[in-house]
Protein backbone atom coordinates (compact mmCIF):
# COMPACT_ATOMS: atom_id res chain seq x y z
CA MET A 1 140.78 85.27 105.69
CA VAL A 2 137.28 85.44 104.50
CA THR A 3 136.99 86.28 100.63
CA THR A 4 134.05 86.24 98.66
CA SER A 5 134.06 85.28 95.00
CA PRO A 6 132.61 86.85 91.70
CA ASP A 7 130.49 84.91 89.14
CA LEU A 8 133.68 82.35 88.36
CA LEU A 9 133.54 80.28 85.43
CA THR A 10 131.88 77.00 85.55
CA PRO A 11 133.97 73.98 84.32
CA SER A 12 131.94 73.66 81.63
CA ARG A 13 132.99 77.21 80.20
CA PHE A 14 136.31 76.92 81.66
CA ARG A 15 138.83 76.07 78.08
CA ALA A 16 142.63 75.64 78.63
CA GLY A 17 144.29 78.86 77.12
CA ARG A 18 141.41 80.59 77.44
CA GLN A 19 142.36 84.28 79.06
CA PHE A 20 139.87 85.28 82.02
CA CYS A 21 138.21 87.85 82.45
CA ASP A 22 139.75 90.51 84.69
CA GLU A 23 137.42 90.15 87.89
CA VAL A 24 138.44 86.74 87.70
CA GLN A 25 142.13 87.25 87.47
CA GLU A 26 142.01 90.16 89.77
CA TYR A 27 140.25 88.29 92.74
CA CYS A 28 142.55 84.81 91.93
CA ARG A 29 145.23 87.62 92.64
CA THR A 30 143.94 88.60 95.47
CA VAL A 31 143.18 84.88 96.93
CA LEU A 32 146.71 84.12 96.43
CA ARG A 33 148.31 87.44 97.94
CA ARG A 34 146.11 86.84 101.29
CA LEU A 35 147.29 82.85 101.51
CA ASN A 36 150.80 84.37 101.24
CA SER A 37 150.51 87.04 103.86
CA SER A 38 148.62 84.36 106.03
CA GLY A 39 152.27 82.12 105.96
CA ASN A 40 154.11 81.93 108.90
CA GLY A 41 157.51 84.01 108.06
CA SER A 42 159.31 81.27 106.13
CA GLY A 43 158.18 82.71 102.43
CA ARG A 44 155.32 81.73 99.75
CA LEU A 45 152.93 78.82 100.68
CA HIS A 46 154.51 75.87 98.31
CA LYS A 47 151.46 73.24 99.35
CA ILE A 48 147.83 74.29 99.15
CA GLY A 49 145.00 72.00 99.67
CA VAL A 50 141.28 73.33 98.59
CA THR A 51 138.44 71.52 99.88
CA SER A 52 134.83 71.98 101.29
CA CYS A 53 132.04 70.93 103.34
CA TYR A 54 129.73 69.01 100.48
CA CYS A 55 130.67 67.94 96.78
CA LYS A 56 129.61 70.30 94.85
CA GLU A 57 130.26 73.33 96.06
CA GLY A 58 133.14 74.62 93.35
CA VAL A 59 136.15 73.41 94.43
CA SER A 60 137.28 72.02 91.30
CA THR A 61 137.08 74.99 89.96
CA ILE A 62 138.44 77.50 92.45
CA SER A 63 141.50 75.43 92.35
CA ALA A 64 141.92 75.28 88.62
CA GLN A 65 141.26 79.50 88.24
CA LEU A 66 143.94 80.09 91.36
CA ALA A 67 146.46 77.43 89.74
CA ALA A 68 145.67 79.02 85.88
CA THR A 69 145.89 83.05 87.38
CA ALA A 70 149.34 81.61 89.41
CA ALA A 71 150.46 79.74 86.32
CA CYS A 72 149.84 83.43 84.31
CA ASP A 73 152.21 85.59 86.91
CA ASP A 74 154.77 83.48 85.84
CA ARG A 75 155.03 80.86 88.29
CA ARG A 76 155.49 77.07 87.39
CA VAL A 77 152.76 75.80 88.90
CA LEU A 78 151.02 72.04 89.52
CA LEU A 79 147.32 70.92 89.84
CA ILE A 80 147.11 67.51 91.35
CA ASP A 81 143.14 66.10 91.23
CA GLY A 82 142.93 64.53 94.71
CA ASN A 83 139.22 63.94 94.63
CA LEU A 84 139.37 60.04 93.64
CA VAL A 85 135.59 59.90 93.53
CA ARG A 86 134.45 63.21 91.89
CA PRO A 87 137.63 63.73 89.75
CA ALA A 88 137.21 66.79 87.83
CA VAL A 89 140.65 68.14 86.73
CA GLN A 90 140.55 66.07 83.60
CA LYS A 91 137.60 67.62 82.55
CA ILE A 92 138.43 71.35 83.00
CA PHE A 93 141.44 71.57 81.15
CA HIS A 94 140.54 68.55 78.19
CA ILE A 95 143.35 66.00 79.11
CA ASN A 96 142.90 62.40 77.66
CA ASP A 97 142.83 59.29 79.50
CA GLY A 98 146.50 58.26 81.87
CA PRO A 99 148.09 57.37 84.63
CA GLY A 100 148.00 59.94 87.10
CA LEU A 101 148.11 60.39 91.28
CA SER A 102 146.45 56.91 91.71
CA GLU A 103 149.11 54.70 89.62
CA ALA A 104 151.91 56.80 91.28
CA VAL A 105 150.66 56.39 94.36
CA LEU A 106 149.51 52.05 94.15
CA HIS A 107 151.72 51.57 90.85
CA GLY A 108 154.99 53.21 91.48
CA ASN A 109 154.52 54.83 88.27
CA ASP A 110 157.13 57.71 87.91
CA VAL A 111 155.69 60.66 89.02
CA SER A 112 157.03 62.66 86.20
CA ASP A 113 155.56 60.92 83.39
CA CYS A 114 152.36 61.18 84.94
CA ILE A 115 152.30 65.02 84.82
CA ARG A 116 150.98 66.82 82.00
CA ALA A 117 150.69 70.19 80.48
CA SER A 118 147.68 71.64 80.79
CA GLY A 119 147.13 73.79 77.67
CA VAL A 120 147.93 77.02 80.16
CA GLU A 121 151.95 78.36 79.91
CA ASN A 122 153.15 76.88 83.24
CA LEU A 123 150.86 75.24 84.31
CA PHE A 124 150.75 71.27 84.55
CA VAL A 125 148.20 68.93 85.41
CA LEU A 126 148.64 65.28 87.75
CA THR A 127 145.08 64.07 86.92
CA SER A 128 143.49 61.46 89.58
CA GLY A 129 144.31 58.97 87.19
CA LYS A 130 142.30 55.70 86.83
CA THR A 131 140.04 55.55 89.78
CA ALA A 132 140.90 53.08 92.10
CA ASP A 133 138.64 50.52 93.43
CA ASN A 134 138.95 51.49 97.06
CA PRO A 135 140.03 55.44 97.17
CA ALA A 136 141.15 54.60 100.72
CA ARG A 137 144.21 53.03 99.75
CA VAL A 138 145.73 55.68 97.84
CA TYR A 139 144.61 57.98 100.67
CA ASP A 140 145.79 55.69 103.56
CA SER A 141 148.88 54.60 101.68
CA THR A 142 152.55 56.23 102.98
CA GLU A 143 153.37 56.54 99.52
CA LEU A 144 151.15 59.72 99.27
CA GLY A 145 153.24 62.18 100.99
CA LYS A 146 156.01 61.16 98.94
CA VAL A 147 154.43 61.46 95.32
CA ILE A 148 153.71 64.63 96.58
CA GLU A 149 157.29 65.74 97.68
CA THR A 150 158.23 64.17 94.72
CA ALA A 151 155.50 66.30 92.62
CA GLY A 152 156.28 69.16 93.97
CA ARG A 153 159.94 69.75 93.80
CA ASN A 154 160.23 71.45 90.21
CA PHE A 155 157.66 73.61 90.65
CA ASP A 156 156.76 77.02 92.25
CA LEU A 157 153.47 76.44 93.94
CA VAL A 158 151.36 72.97 94.05
CA ILE A 159 147.67 73.24 94.64
CA PHE A 160 145.67 69.86 95.44
CA ASP A 161 141.70 69.55 94.62
CA LEU A 162 140.66 67.65 97.46
CA PRO A 163 137.17 65.78 98.52
CA ALA A 164 134.60 67.30 100.49
CA ALA A 165 136.09 67.61 104.08
CA GLY A 166 132.37 67.37 105.45
CA GLU A 167 131.95 64.61 103.72
CA ASP A 168 135.15 62.26 102.97
CA SER A 169 137.69 62.15 106.25
CA SER A 170 140.87 61.71 103.53
CA ALA A 171 140.42 65.41 103.16
CA VAL A 172 141.38 66.14 106.65
CA ARG A 173 144.72 63.47 106.46
CA ILE A 174 145.80 64.96 102.95
CA ALA A 175 145.81 68.17 104.48
CA GLY A 176 147.80 67.31 106.68
CA LEU A 177 150.68 67.05 103.95
CA LEU A 178 150.24 70.08 102.91
CA ASP A 179 151.40 73.41 103.98
CA GLY A 180 147.79 74.31 104.45
CA VAL A 181 143.65 74.09 103.62
CA LEU A 182 141.78 77.00 101.87
CA LEU A 183 137.53 75.99 102.69
CA VAL A 184 135.34 76.29 100.01
CA VAL A 185 131.91 77.53 101.32
CA GLU A 186 128.97 77.70 99.03
CA SER A 187 126.49 80.84 100.34
CA GLU A 188 123.04 80.07 101.36
CA ARG A 189 123.88 75.93 101.48
CA VAL A 190 126.42 75.08 104.40
CA ARG A 191 124.84 75.78 107.86
CA ARG A 192 127.11 77.64 110.43
CA GLN A 193 127.04 74.13 112.28
CA VAL A 194 128.29 72.41 109.43
CA ALA A 195 131.39 74.49 108.70
CA ARG A 196 132.41 74.34 112.41
CA ARG A 197 132.42 71.01 112.89
CA VAL A 198 134.60 70.86 109.41
CA THR A 199 137.45 73.37 111.00
CA GLU A 200 137.09 71.80 114.09
CA GLN A 201 138.06 68.52 112.36
CA PHE A 202 140.98 70.39 110.93
CA GLU A 203 142.09 71.68 114.61
CA GLN A 204 141.95 68.41 115.47
CA ALA A 205 144.39 67.30 113.06
CA ASP A 206 147.11 70.12 113.31
CA VAL A 207 146.10 71.11 109.66
CA ARG A 208 146.24 74.82 108.99
CA LEU A 209 142.98 76.57 107.88
CA LEU A 210 144.01 79.14 105.93
CA GLY A 211 141.08 80.92 105.18
CA ALA A 212 137.49 80.45 103.19
CA VAL A 213 135.84 81.57 100.13
CA LEU A 214 132.41 82.44 100.00
CA ASN A 215 131.30 80.73 96.40
CA LYS A 216 127.85 81.69 94.89
CA ARG A 217 127.32 84.47 96.66
CA ARG A 218 124.20 85.78 96.31
CA GLN A 219 123.17 87.88 99.55
CA HIS A 220 125.49 89.54 102.19
CA VAL A 221 128.33 87.77 104.11
CA PRO A 222 126.59 86.03 107.07
CA ASP A 223 128.77 86.67 110.64
CA TRP A 224 128.91 83.74 111.71
CA LEU A 225 131.37 82.54 108.51
CA TYR A 226 133.14 85.50 109.81
CA GLN A 227 133.27 84.16 113.83
CA THR A 228 133.56 80.38 112.82
CA LEU A 229 136.81 81.12 110.63
């Protein structure tokens, strides 16, 4: 599944509780429908990761908008910020500092105490928490999988904002704990070889690549993207 994004709201323009423009909402609904249609017959996907080849390709914005759109359709949604190096979810939703994913994994904080309201009805957030001195301690911990399972028990959909898979192998490891991953590809920035290398990383790790979103598109969709995915 390859889809191209409209002019999505940037983090600086995104506001909790703000009504999305019709085009963006409908686009996000289309992506969610296509993701579920790519399921394995067991019903809706429950845990989805969103990543990219490089940082700053729009992963956090797309993750937030997909989560908010699903929540607007009466689904209880949890958005987890798993990018400990460049966390953005807290800023997007204007959430105050507090314990998050790092504290739940490393310090045993109760996950339910770390989950907070986003300001959008039915959408809740687990921020990255205090940035760990060594993010690998969080990513490599056996507690991470337990936290993800615990966090998702009371939600219809969990969206995990991941680091860039082309720059941080942790994204691939975390994706292995999820039902699948959506790859964000910035138009006219990411070369075919780079996207192919990232998809091969997923394949080698037996991670299910659900599809791709071509972001910031100005020209036609390149043929290599369809061939790669």
